[in-house]
Amino acid sequence: MEMTFEDKFARCVQNLNNIDKPDYTEFELNYYADFVELIALFEKQDGVTFGDIQDRFFGEKYYENAEKKDLDEAFLDRIFGMIEERINLYKIDYPFQYQNNEILILKQNLTFKNKLYLSLLVSSKLNIFNPFQVDITTDFEKISYVVLKKFLPENAIIKEFGENTAYNGNAVAKIKQLANELDLLINDYELNQVSERNTQERGLDIVGWLSFADKCGNKVVFLCQCACGKQFESKQHDTRRFENYLQFYKTNPQHTMFIPYSLINVRENKFYHSDYIERDYLIFERKRIIEYHNDTSFENSESFKIVKRIIGT
């Protein structure tokens, strides 16, 4: 029997309740900050405090070891410090307020951008929202499509190549159709390595290009992967396959990844976990996605329904 929305949601709540402290490394502060925000989202107008998270992570215990207590509190200070960074980075698009530097609480009268942030927050926690995984990943591909369309000039051509694609047939047929549209030759030997029974997209979710009136294959092409999973760095090789299948003419494609995580390090003007990201990659993370997404019709998506269910609207 297929699970209803409420059945799936109840399982997500149970998943969250089963986690006192996530098993991230202490280096992954941005993931911990996401987890604290998620707790604050579920608490709505009650919010969460430093003490609430301390009790959840480490238990309501008396510290006989003062040094251990200091280390635990310093760790939480770093998490809440990152949340304060986000307040300054996202400004009015940030859906929480940190009242008196004591309570992280969900704002009232949330804007579309606030709810988009929360949708991306939910998308970044597939281990908790796994009953909705197919809906979330499909929605995230649609979000990424809208962002790339807004980011590139109006004359750019943007097409989905993953779950929502209009390309027909198996993987080989889809790649041949794409090559024809891009005016590119195919490397027959490499493409023949792909099984005729393979119907997947071979790691390419969205493709965009700036077209010319001529049929010359020399153009700027964006090969995009959309990755909600925490191990997004392992997916960066997916779009590089297409440099084997297609003979790009005189210019390399721009490999691009969309992820729902917040990675902007405002102090360094770089990415957190920069070592996860390969060279020659363009990254659209949470801040950049929110900056370029303005399609309010997305409020009808399943991802937004999850957010609305949490906040009780």
Protein backbone atom coordinates (compact mmCIF):
# COMPACT_ATOMS: atom_id res chain seq x y z
CA MET A 1 0.00 0.00 0.00
CA GLU A 2 1.39 3.37 -1.02
CA MET A 3 2.26 5.72 1.80
CA THR A 4 0.25 8.92 2.11
CA PHE A 5 1.87 12.33 2.52
CA GLU A 6 1.06 12.22 6.25
CA ASP A 7 2.56 8.74 6.58
CA LYS A 8 5.78 9.94 4.97
CA PHE A 9 5.84 13.08 7.08
CA ALA A 10 5.35 11.11 10.30
CA ARG A 11 8.32 8.92 9.38
CA CYS A 12 10.45 12.03 8.78
CA VAL A 13 9.55 13.36 12.22
CA GLN A 14 10.54 10.02 13.73
CA ASN A 15 13.83 10.08 11.81
CA LEU A 16 14.61 13.50 13.26
CA ASN A 17 13.61 12.47 16.78
CA ASN A 18 15.96 9.49 16.56
CA ILE A 19 18.98 11.78 16.08
CA ASP A 20 20.30 13.45 19.21
CA LYS A 21 23.60 14.47 17.61
CA PRO A 22 24.40 13.93 13.92
CA ASP A 23 27.51 11.89 13.13
CA TYR A 24 29.25 14.60 11.08
CA THR A 25 32.87 15.36 11.77
CA GLU A 26 33.49 18.49 13.83
CA PHE A 27 35.06 20.00 10.72
CA GLU A 28 31.64 19.92 8.99
CA LEU A 29 30.22 22.86 10.91
CA ASN A 30 27.90 23.92 8.09
CA TYR A 31 26.09 20.56 8.30
CA TYR A 32 25.70 21.01 12.05
CA ALA A 33 24.37 24.53 11.48
CA ASP A 34 21.80 23.04 9.07
CA PHE A 35 20.76 20.54 11.73
CA VAL A 36 20.29 23.28 14.34
CA GLU A 37 18.22 25.28 11.82
CA LEU A 38 16.10 22.20 11.14
CA ILE A 39 15.40 21.81 14.86
CA ALA A 40 14.47 25.50 15.03
CA LEU A 41 12.16 25.02 12.03
CA PHE A 42 10.26 22.23 13.77
CA GLU A 43 10.10 24.25 16.99
CA LYS A 44 8.59 27.19 15.07
CA GLN A 45 7.80 30.06 17.44
CA ASP A 46 9.36 28.32 20.46
CA GLY A 47 12.79 28.36 18.87
CA VAL A 48 15.95 26.71 20.19
CA THR A 49 18.68 27.99 22.48
CA PHE A 50 22.35 27.19 22.93
CA GLY A 51 21.33 25.18 26.02
CA ASP A 52 18.71 23.20 24.10
CA ILE A 53 21.27 22.07 21.56
CA GLN A 54 23.85 21.40 24.28
CA ASP A 55 21.37 19.10 26.05
CA ARG A 56 20.41 17.38 22.80
CA PHE A 57 23.99 16.80 21.65
CA PHE A 58 25.63 15.95 24.96
CA GLY A 59 22.78 15.10 27.34
CA GLU A 60 21.67 16.77 30.53
CA LYS A 61 24.70 15.83 32.53
CA TYR A 62 26.94 17.29 35.15
CA TYR A 63 30.43 17.82 33.77
CA GLU A 64 33.03 16.43 36.15
CA ASN A 65 35.65 17.18 33.53
CA ALA A 66 35.79 20.96 33.12
CA GLU A 67 38.05 20.66 30.08
CA LYS A 68 35.52 18.43 28.28
CA LYS A 69 32.76 20.93 29.05
CA ASP A 70 34.85 23.78 27.64
CA LEU A 71 35.53 21.80 24.47
CA ASP A 72 31.84 20.97 23.98
CA GLU A 73 30.81 24.58 24.51
CA ALA A 74 33.52 25.87 22.16
CA PHE A 75 32.22 23.46 19.50
CA LEU A 76 28.66 24.78 19.92
CA ASP A 77 29.99 28.35 19.86
CA ARG A 78 31.45 27.65 16.42
CA ILE A 79 28.12 26.28 15.18
CA PHE A 80 26.15 29.29 16.42
CA GLY A 81 28.91 31.55 15.08
CA MET A 82 28.27 30.09 11.62
CA ILE A 83 24.55 30.75 12.04
CA GLU A 84 25.38 34.40 12.81
CA GLU A 85 27.47 34.46 9.62
CA ARG A 86 24.41 33.27 7.69
CA ILE A 87 22.25 36.01 9.20
CA ASN A 88 24.69 38.57 7.79
CA LEU A 89 25.10 36.74 4.47
CA TYR A 90 21.45 36.04 3.61
CA LYS A 91 20.00 39.16 5.28
CA ILE A 92 16.23 39.35 4.67
CA ASP A 93 16.28 36.01 2.84
CA TYR A 94 17.30 34.21 6.05
CA PRO A 95 14.15 32.61 7.55
CA PHE A 96 15.28 32.73 11.19
CA GLN A 97 16.14 35.42 13.69
CA TYR A 98 18.55 35.07 16.57
CA GLN A 99 16.71 36.95 19.29
CA ASN A 100 19.01 38.62 21.82
CA ASN A 101 21.73 36.18 20.67
CA GLU A 102 19.89 33.58 22.73
CA ILE A 103 17.01 32.01 20.76
CA LEU A 104 17.10 30.91 17.11
CA ILE A 105 13.47 31.27 16.09
CA LEU A 106 11.52 31.00 12.84
CA LYS A 107 10.37 34.35 11.47
CA GLN A 108 6.69 35.11 11.15
CA ASN A 109 5.23 36.13 7.76
CA LEU A 110 7.80 34.20 5.75
CA THR A 111 8.61 35.48 2.26
CA PHE A 112 8.98 33.26 -0.81
CA LYS A 113 12.77 33.45 -0.48
CA ASN A 114 12.52 32.45 3.20
CA LYS A 115 10.49 29.41 2.25
CA LEU A 116 12.86 28.60 -0.60
CA TYR A 117 15.72 28.61 1.93
CA LEU A 118 13.74 26.18 4.11
CA SER A 119 13.01 23.98 1.09
CA LEU A 120 16.74 23.79 0.35
CA LEU A 121 17.41 23.07 4.02
CA VAL A 122 15.00 20.12 3.83
CA SER A 123 16.63 18.99 0.57
CA SER A 124 20.03 18.93 2.28
CA LYS A 125 18.80 16.38 4.83
CA LEU A 126 17.77 13.41 2.69
CA ASN A 127 18.70 11.02 5.49
CA ILE A 128 15.85 12.53 7.53
CA PHE A 129 13.41 13.18 4.69
CA ASN A 130 14.15 9.94 2.83
CA PRO A 131 10.43 9.03 2.40
CA PHE A 132 10.20 12.09 0.12
CA GLN A 133 13.55 11.51 -1.61
CA VAL A 134 12.19 11.12 -5.16
CA ASP A 135 9.99 14.21 -4.82
CA ILE A 136 12.78 16.29 -3.28
CA THR A 137 15.41 15.39 -5.88
CA THR A 138 12.96 15.93 -8.74
CA ASP A 139 11.99 19.33 -7.33
CA PHE A 140 15.63 20.28 -6.85
CA GLU A 141 16.31 19.58 -10.51
CA LYS A 142 13.45 21.95 -11.37
CA ILE A 143 14.88 24.59 -9.03
CA SER A 144 18.27 24.26 -10.69
CA TYR A 145 16.71 24.61 -14.14
CA VAL A 146 15.03 27.89 -13.13
CA VAL A 147 18.28 29.21 -11.61
CA LEU A 148 20.38 28.44 -14.69
CA LYS A 149 17.74 30.02 -16.93
CA LYS A 150 17.80 33.19 -14.82
CA PHE A 151 21.61 33.22 -14.61
CA LEU A 152 22.28 32.93 -18.35
CA PRO A 153 21.29 35.52 -20.97
CA GLU A 154 17.79 35.39 -22.45
CA ASN A 155 19.05 33.92 -25.71
CA ALA A 156 20.52 30.89 -23.90
CA ILE A 157 18.92 27.47 -24.45
CA ILE A 158 18.31 25.49 -21.25
CA LYS A 159 17.08 21.89 -21.26
CA GLU A 160 16.56 19.23 -18.62
CA PHE A 161 18.34 15.97 -19.28
CA GLY A 162 17.47 14.06 -16.10
CA GLU A 163 14.15 13.00 -14.58
CA ASN A 164 12.09 15.75 -16.26
CA THR A 165 13.68 15.54 -19.70
CA ALA A 166 11.91 15.86 -23.04
CA TYR A 167 14.65 13.78 -24.73
CA ASN A 168 13.40 10.36 -25.83
CA GLY A 169 14.73 6.83 -25.77
CA ASN A 170 17.63 5.22 -23.98
CA ALA A 171 20.82 6.97 -22.84
CA VAL A 172 22.53 6.54 -26.22
CA ALA A 173 19.56 8.00 -28.11
CA LYS A 174 19.36 10.97 -25.74
CA ILE A 175 23.06 11.72 -26.11
CA LYS A 176 22.80 11.57 -29.91
CA GLN A 177 19.86 14.00 -29.84
CA LEU A 178 21.88 16.36 -27.65
CA ALA A 179 24.91 16.14 -29.95
CA ASN A 180 22.72 17.07 -32.89
CA GLU A 181 21.34 20.12 -31.09
CA LEU A 182 24.82 21.23 -30.04
CA ASP A 183 26.20 20.69 -33.57
CA LEU A 184 28.89 18.40 -32.15
CA LEU A 185 30.41 15.19 -33.47
CA ILE A 186 30.14 12.00 -31.41
CA ASN A 187 33.01 9.79 -30.32
CA ASP A 188 31.48 6.54 -31.55
CA TYR A 189 33.88 4.28 -29.68
CA GLU A 190 33.10 5.88 -26.29
CA LEU A 191 29.35 6.05 -26.87
CA ASN A 192 29.28 2.41 -27.94
CA GLN A 193 30.46 1.52 -24.43
CA VAL A 194 27.06 2.61 -23.07
CA SER A 195 24.60 -0.25 -22.88
CA GLU A 196 21.53 -0.02 -25.11
CA ARG A 197 19.53 -1.07 -22.03
CA ASN A 198 20.69 1.99 -20.11
CA THR A 199 17.82 4.47 -19.93
CA GLN A 200 19.40 6.86 -17.43
CA GLU A 201 20.91 10.25 -18.17
CA ARG A 202 24.53 9.16 -17.46
CA GLY A 203 24.98 11.88 -14.84
CA LEU A 204 23.81 14.94 -16.78
CA ASP A 205 20.74 16.62 -15.27
CA ILE A 206 20.60 19.97 -17.09
CA VAL A 207 22.35 21.33 -20.15
CA GLY A 208 22.51 24.93 -21.29
CA TRP A 209 24.28 26.69 -24.13
CA LEU A 210 24.66 30.06 -25.78
CA SER A 211 23.71 29.55 -29.37
CA PHE A 212 24.79 31.23 -32.60
CA ALA A 213 22.92 31.45 -35.89
CA ASP A 214 25.54 29.30 -37.61
CA LYS A 215 25.98 25.54 -37.25
CA CYS A 216 29.52 25.72 -35.89
CA GLY A 217 29.99 23.65 -32.75
CA ASN A 218 32.18 26.30 -31.11
CA LYS A 219 29.98 27.61 -28.28
CA VAL A 220 29.73 27.90 -24.51
CA VAL A 221 28.04 24.80 -23.04
CA PHE A 222 27.02 24.23 -19.41
CA LEU A 223 26.88 20.60 -18.26
CA CYS A 224 25.04 20.49 -14.94
CA GLN A 225 24.65 17.94 -12.18
CA CYS A 226 22.09 18.41 -9.37
CA ALA A 227 23.12 16.70 -6.13
CA CYS A 228 21.17 16.74 -2.86
CA GLY A 229 23.20 14.01 -1.15
CA LYS A 230 25.88 14.92 1.37
CA GLN A 231 28.58 13.16 -0.67
CA PHE A 232 28.09 15.52 -3.59
CA GLU A 233 31.81 15.64 -4.35
CA SER A 234 31.71 12.06 -5.67
CA LYS A 235 29.25 13.12 -8.39
CA GLN A 236 31.52 15.71 -9.96
CA HIS A 237 32.89 13.16 -12.40
CA ASP A 238 29.46 12.44 -13.84
CA THR A 239 29.25 15.30 -16.32
CA ARG A 240 32.88 14.77 -17.37
CA ARG A 241 31.75 11.58 -19.13
CA PHE A 242 30.24 13.79 -21.78
CA GLU A 243 33.68 14.99 -22.80
CA ASN A 244 34.21 11.37 -23.86
CA TYR A 245 30.91 11.05 -25.72
CA LEU A 246 30.90 14.45 -27.44
CA GLN A 247 33.72 16.14 -29.35
CA PHE A 248 33.57 19.69 -28.02
CA TYR A 249 34.97 22.00 -30.63
CA LYS A 250 37.71 24.48 -29.61
CA THR A 251 36.22 25.22 -26.18
CA ASN A 252 35.70 23.10 -23.10
CA PRO A 253 32.25 22.78 -21.53
CA GLN A 254 31.59 24.50 -18.21
CA HIS A 255 31.00 21.77 -15.65
CA THR A 256 28.45 22.99 -13.12
CA MET A 257 26.99 21.57 -9.91
CA PHE A 258 23.87 22.59 -8.01
CA ILE A 259 23.74 21.65 -4.32
CA PRO A 260 21.29 22.71 -1.58
CA TYR A 261 24.05 23.30 1.00
CA SER A 262 25.28 26.66 2.27
CA LEU A 263 28.99 26.87 1.45
CA ILE A 264 29.90 30.58 1.20
CA ASN A 265 32.66 31.48 3.65
CA VAL A 266 32.09 35.21 4.12
CA ARG A 267 35.38 35.70 5.97
CA GLU A 268 37.51 34.20 3.18
CA ASN A 269 35.27 34.94 0.18
CA LYS A 270 35.64 31.29 -0.75
CA PHE A 271 33.74 28.03 -0.19
CA TYR A 272 33.69 26.00 2.96
CA HIS A 273 35.01 22.51 2.11
CA SER A 274 36.77 24.00 -0.90
CA ASP A 275 38.89 20.85 -1.08
CA TYR A 276 35.74 18.87 -1.96
CA ILE A 277 35.30 20.87 -5.17
CA GLU A 278 37.24 20.02 -8.31
CA ARG A 279 39.00 22.60 -10.41
CA ASP A 280 37.09 24.15 -13.33
CA TYR A 281 33.73 23.65 -11.61
CA LEU A 282 31.06 26.31 -11.25
CA ILE A 283 29.08 25.78 -8.03
CA PHE A 284 25.56 26.98 -7.30
CA GLU A 285 25.04 26.45 -3.57
CA ARG A 286 22.21 27.69 -1.33
CA LYS A 287 23.04 31.41 -1.41
CA ARG A 288 23.49 31.54 -5.18
CA ILE A 289 20.36 29.47 -5.80
CA ILE A 290 18.25 31.83 -3.67
CA GLU A 291 19.79 34.84 -5.41
CA TYR A 292 18.71 33.67 -8.87
CA HIS A 293 15.45 31.82 -8.17
CA ASN A 294 12.30 33.96 -8.43
CA ASP A 295 9.64 31.57 -9.75
CA THR A 296 6.92 31.71 -7.09
CA SER A 297 4.95 28.94 -8.82
CA PHE A 298 7.39 26.60 -7.07
CA GLU A 299 5.27 27.07 -3.93
CA ASN A 300 3.06 24.33 -5.38
CA SER A 301 5.92 21.81 -5.32
CA GLU A 302 6.16 18.84 -2.97
CA SER A 303 9.23 20.36 -1.30
CA PHE A 304 7.25 23.46 -0.36
CA LYS A 305 4.39 21.28 0.88
CA ILE A 306 6.80 19.67 3.33
CA VAL A 307 7.89 23.10 4.58
CA LYS A 308 4.30 24.27 4.88
CA ARG A 309 3.39 21.11 6.79
CA ILE A 310 6.21 21.72 9.27
CA ILE A 311 5.28 25.33 9.92
CA GLY A 312 1.59 24.47 10.08
CA THR A 313 0.18 26.28 7.05
